Amino acid sequence: MSNNEIRWKVEDPQGRQVILKVTTYEEHVIGDHETRDAKVREETEHNAKQTIISPNIIIEDDASRHLYYNAIVISENERPQKVKLLKVVVDSDRNPNEVVTWLSLRKGEKIEGGAIIYERGKDGLSS
């Protein structure tokens, strides 16, 4: 397996190509986390991909990172489903842009970052 093998590739609402490399997925998104957290990340991979395709907002965190946010429905350990905010971190200084990781925010955790560069429902522009 090549270090540059792509697990998936999508386009965000502003026309940027975003990829997830196999090595990033295996070694960082899943591999750097405890079993329970890794399982939740595996289960939310489809949501992470959809968050890039159709986010609620995109925030420019700094010169090299974009943070994509979306509300998702998840079920942990067969408990009742919950709505959580999913954050997908993308390196924006590469072409194509590359997914770094994703995580669901905990209750009370705030959205952080810099300027909003995309907001759904506002023709892709923030006011």
C-alpha atoms as a PDB file:
ATOM      1  CA  MET A   1       0.000   0.000   0.000  1.00  0.00           C
ATOM      2  CA  SER A   2       1.402   3.402  -1.004  1.00  0.00           C
ATOM      3  CA  ASN A   3       1.823   6.239   1.503  1.00  0.00           C
ATOM      4  CA  ASN A   4      -0.119   8.427  -0.930  1.00  0.00           C
ATOM      5  CA  GLU A   5      -3.065   6.076  -1.430  1.00  0.00           C
ATOM      6  CA  ILE A   6      -6.333   7.998  -1.174  1.00  0.00           C
ATOM      7  CA  ARG A   7      -9.173   6.534   0.927  1.00  0.00           C
ATOM      8  CA  TRP A   8     -11.673   9.057  -0.484  1.00  0.00           C
ATOM      9  CA  LYS A   9     -11.868  12.375  -2.302  1.00  0.00           C
ATOM     10  CA  VAL A  10     -14.701  14.935  -2.232  1.00  0.00           C
ATOM     11  CA  GLU A  11     -15.377  18.545  -3.167  1.00  0.00           C
ATOM     12  CA  ASP A  12     -16.479  21.140  -0.618  1.00  0.00           C
ATOM     13  CA  PRO A  13     -19.176  23.766  -1.352  1.00  0.00           C
ATOM     14  CA  GLN A  14     -16.529  26.303  -2.370  1.00  0.00           C
ATOM     15  CA  GLY A  15     -15.029  23.999  -4.999  1.00  0.00           C
ATOM     16  CA  ARG A  16     -11.964  22.829  -3.053  1.00  0.00           C
ATOM     17  CA  GLN A  17     -10.877  19.205  -3.508  1.00  0.00           C
ATOM     18  CA  VAL A  18     -10.390  17.458  -0.147  1.00  0.00           C
ATOM     19  CA  ILE A  19      -8.847  14.015   0.314  1.00  0.00           C
ATOM     20  CA  LEU A  20      -8.326  11.537   3.131  1.00  0.00           C
ATOM     21  CA  LYS A  21      -5.159   9.473   2.794  1.00  0.00           C
ATOM     22  CA  VAL A  22      -5.209   5.842   3.920  1.00  0.00           C
ATOM     23  CA  THR A  23      -2.156   6.426   6.132  1.00  0.00           C
ATOM     24  CA  THR A  24      -3.768   9.422   7.846  1.00  0.00           C
ATOM     25  CA  TYR A  25      -6.909   7.407   8.519  1.00  0.00           C
ATOM     26  CA  GLU A  26      -5.120   4.314   9.825  1.00  0.00           C
ATOM     27  CA  GLU A  27      -2.308   5.992  11.773  1.00  0.00           C
ATOM     28  CA  HIS A  28      -3.925   9.174  13.092  1.00  0.00           C
ATOM     29  CA  VAL A  29      -7.720   9.286  12.830  1.00  0.00           C
ATOM     30  CA  ILE A  30      -8.099   5.734  14.179  1.00  0.00           C
ATOM     31  CA  GLY A  31      -4.640   4.656  15.352  1.00  0.00           C
ATOM     32  CA  ASP A  32      -3.872   7.516  17.753  1.00  0.00           C
ATOM     33  CA  HIS A  33      -6.960   6.918  19.907  1.00  0.00           C
ATOM     34  CA  GLU A  34      -8.277   4.516  22.529  1.00  0.00           C
ATOM     35  CA  THR A  35     -10.472   1.667  21.281  1.00  0.00           C
ATOM     36  CA  ARG A  36     -13.791   3.322  22.204  1.00  0.00           C
ATOM     37  CA  ASP A  37     -12.877   6.658  20.598  1.00  0.00           C
ATOM     38  CA  ALA A  38     -11.448   4.911  17.516  1.00  0.00           C
ATOM     39  CA  LYS A  39     -14.716   2.970  17.118  1.00  0.00           C
ATOM     40  CA  VAL A  40     -16.795   6.171  17.270  1.00  0.00           C
ATOM     41  CA  ARG A  41     -14.485   7.754  14.663  1.00  0.00           C
ATOM     42  CA  GLU A  42     -14.898   4.709  12.404  1.00  0.00           C
ATOM     43  CA  GLU A  43     -18.671   4.931  12.773  1.00  0.00           C
ATOM     44  CA  THR A  44     -18.683   8.643  11.936  1.00  0.00           C
ATOM     45  CA  GLU A  45     -16.406   8.439   8.874  1.00  0.00           C
ATOM     46  CA  HIS A  46     -19.372   8.790   6.498  1.00  0.00           C
ATOM     47  CA  ASN A  47     -20.533  11.822   8.495  1.00  0.00           C
ATOM     48  CA  ALA A  48     -17.044  13.359   8.255  1.00  0.00           C
ATOM     49  CA  LYS A  49     -17.101  12.972   4.481  1.00  0.00           C
ATOM     50  CA  GLN A  50     -20.605  14.477   4.286  1.00  0.00           C
ATOM     51  CA  THR A  51     -19.538  17.331   6.570  1.00  0.00           C
ATOM     52  CA  ILE A  52     -16.948  18.392   3.991  1.00  0.00           C
ATOM     53  CA  ILE A  53     -19.442  18.084   1.126  1.00  0.00           C
ATOM     54  CA  SER A  54     -22.223  19.972   2.920  1.00  0.00           C
ATOM     55  CA  PRO A  55     -21.061  21.697   6.136  1.00  0.00           C
ATOM     56  CA  ASN A  56     -23.104  24.056   8.278  1.00  0.00           C
ATOM     57  CA  ILE A  57     -20.043  26.313   8.521  1.00  0.00           C
ATOM     58  CA  ILE A  58     -16.374  26.404   7.577  1.00  0.00           C
ATOM     59  CA  ILE A  59     -13.993  28.384   9.763  1.00  0.00           C
ATOM     60  CA  GLU A  60     -10.497  29.429   8.752  1.00  0.00           C
ATOM     61  CA  ASP A  61      -8.577  28.444  11.871  1.00  0.00           C
ATOM     62  CA  ASP A  62      -5.238  29.797  10.706  1.00  0.00           C
ATOM     63  CA  ALA A  63      -3.367  30.125   7.446  1.00  0.00           C
ATOM     64  CA  SER A  64      -3.158  26.370   6.959  1.00  0.00           C
ATOM     65  CA  ARG A  65      -6.302  24.847   8.520  1.00  0.00           C
ATOM     66  CA  HIS A  66     -10.011  24.895   7.772  1.00  0.00           C
ATOM     67  CA  LEU A  67     -12.517  23.575  10.323  1.00  0.00           C
ATOM     68  CA  TYR A  68     -15.713  22.100   8.883  1.00  0.00           C
ATOM     69  CA  TYR A  69     -18.685  21.800  11.268  1.00  0.00           C
ATOM     70  CA  ASN A  70     -21.963  19.934  10.909  1.00  0.00           C
ATOM     71  CA  ALA A  71     -24.713  18.674  13.223  1.00  0.00           C
ATOM     72  CA  ILE A  72     -24.929  14.871  13.073  1.00  0.00           C
ATOM     73  CA  VAL A  73     -27.010  12.140  14.712  1.00  0.00           C
ATOM     74  CA  ILE A  74     -24.960   9.429  16.417  1.00  0.00           C
ATOM     75  CA  SER A  75     -25.653   6.466  18.651  1.00  0.00           C
ATOM     76  CA  GLU A  76     -23.081   5.428  21.240  1.00  0.00           C
ATOM     77  CA  ASN A  77     -23.258   1.943  22.765  1.00  0.00           C
ATOM     78  CA  GLU A  78     -26.845   1.502  21.563  1.00  0.00           C
ATOM     79  CA  ARG A  79     -28.070   4.357  23.770  1.00  0.00           C
ATOM     80  CA  PRO A  80     -30.726   6.670  22.386  1.00  0.00           C
ATOM     81  CA  GLN A  81     -29.454   8.686  19.458  1.00  0.00           C
ATOM     82  CA  LYS A  82     -27.870  12.056  20.130  1.00  0.00           C
ATOM     83  CA  VAL A  83     -27.307  15.125  18.026  1.00  0.00           C
ATOM     84  CA  LYS A  84     -23.707  16.280  18.219  1.00  0.00           C
ATOM     85  CA  LEU A  85     -21.551  18.757  16.413  1.00  0.00           C
ATOM     86  CA  LEU A  86     -18.897  17.114  14.253  1.00  0.00           C
ATOM     87  CA  LYS A  87     -15.659  18.974  13.538  1.00  0.00           C
ATOM     88  CA  VAL A  88     -13.476  17.933  10.599  1.00  0.00           C
ATOM     89  CA  VAL A  89      -9.968  19.430  10.544  1.00  0.00           C
ATOM     90  CA  VAL A  90      -8.479  19.951   7.066  1.00  0.00           C
ATOM     91  CA  ASP A  91      -5.010  21.143   6.049  1.00  0.00           C
ATOM     92  CA  SER A  92      -5.737  23.853   3.505  1.00  0.00           C
ATOM     93  CA  ASP A  93      -2.139  24.586   2.493  1.00  0.00           C
ATOM     94  CA  ARG A  94      -1.962  21.489   0.270  1.00  0.00           C
ATOM     95  CA  ASN A  95      -3.427  20.789  -3.128  1.00  0.00           C
ATOM     96  CA  PRO A  96      -5.688  18.942  -2.792  1.00  0.00           C
ATOM     97  CA  ASN A  97      -6.574  19.861   0.793  1.00  0.00           C
ATOM     98  CA  GLU A  98      -6.124  16.955   3.245  1.00  0.00           C
ATOM     99  CA  VAL A  99      -8.227  15.728   6.151  1.00  0.00           C
ATOM    100  CA  VAL A 100      -6.221  15.664   9.381  1.00  0.00           C
ATOM    101  CA  THR A 101      -8.848  14.273  11.770  1.00  0.00           C
ATOM    102  CA  TRP A 102     -12.440  14.573  12.949  1.00  0.00           C
ATOM    103  CA  LEU A 103     -14.164  14.516  16.311  1.00  0.00           C
ATOM    104  CA  SER A 104     -17.578  15.107  17.813  1.00  0.00           C
ATOM    105  CA  LEU A 105     -17.668  17.984  20.261  1.00  0.00           C
ATOM    106  CA  ARG A 106     -18.674  17.323  23.841  1.00  0.00           C
ATOM    107  CA  LYS A 107     -21.655  19.002  25.453  1.00  0.00           C
ATOM    108  CA  GLY A 108     -20.801  22.616  26.225  1.00  0.00           C
ATOM    109  CA  GLU A 109     -17.668  22.616  24.060  1.00  0.00           C
ATOM    110  CA  LYS A 110     -17.438  25.800  22.001  1.00  0.00           C
ATOM    111  CA  ILE A 111     -16.762  26.241  18.316  1.00  0.00           C
ATOM    112  CA  GLU A 112     -13.373  27.872  18.053  1.00  0.00           C
ATOM    113  CA  GLY A 113     -11.306  29.292  15.248  1.00  0.00           C
ATOM    114  CA  GLY A 114     -10.961  32.406  13.179  1.00  0.00           C
ATOM    115  CA  ALA A 115     -13.153  33.861  10.478  1.00  0.00           C
ATOM    116  CA  ILE A 116     -16.201  32.060   9.122  1.00  0.00           C
ATOM    117  CA  ILE A 117     -15.474  31.569   5.406  1.00  0.00           C
ATOM    118  CA  TYR A 118     -18.645  29.633   4.556  1.00  0.00           C
ATOM    119  CA  GLU A 119     -22.106  29.449   6.091  1.00  0.00           C
ATOM    120  CA  ARG A 120     -24.828  27.245   4.642  1.00  0.00           C
ATOM    121  CA  GLY A 121     -27.872  29.173   3.524  1.00  0.00           C
ATOM    122  CA  LYS A 122     -25.995  32.384   2.830  1.00  0.00           C
ATOM    123  CA  ASP A 123     -24.917  31.523  -0.735  1.00  0.00           C
ATOM    124  CA  GLY A 124     -21.625  30.285   0.650  1.00  0.00           C
ATOM    125  CA  LEU A 125     -20.705  33.621   2.152  1.00  0.00           C
ATOM    126  CA  SER A 126     -20.756  34.748   5.740  1.00  0.00           C
ATOM    127  CA  SER A 127     -22.194  38.151   6.554  1.00  0.00           C
END
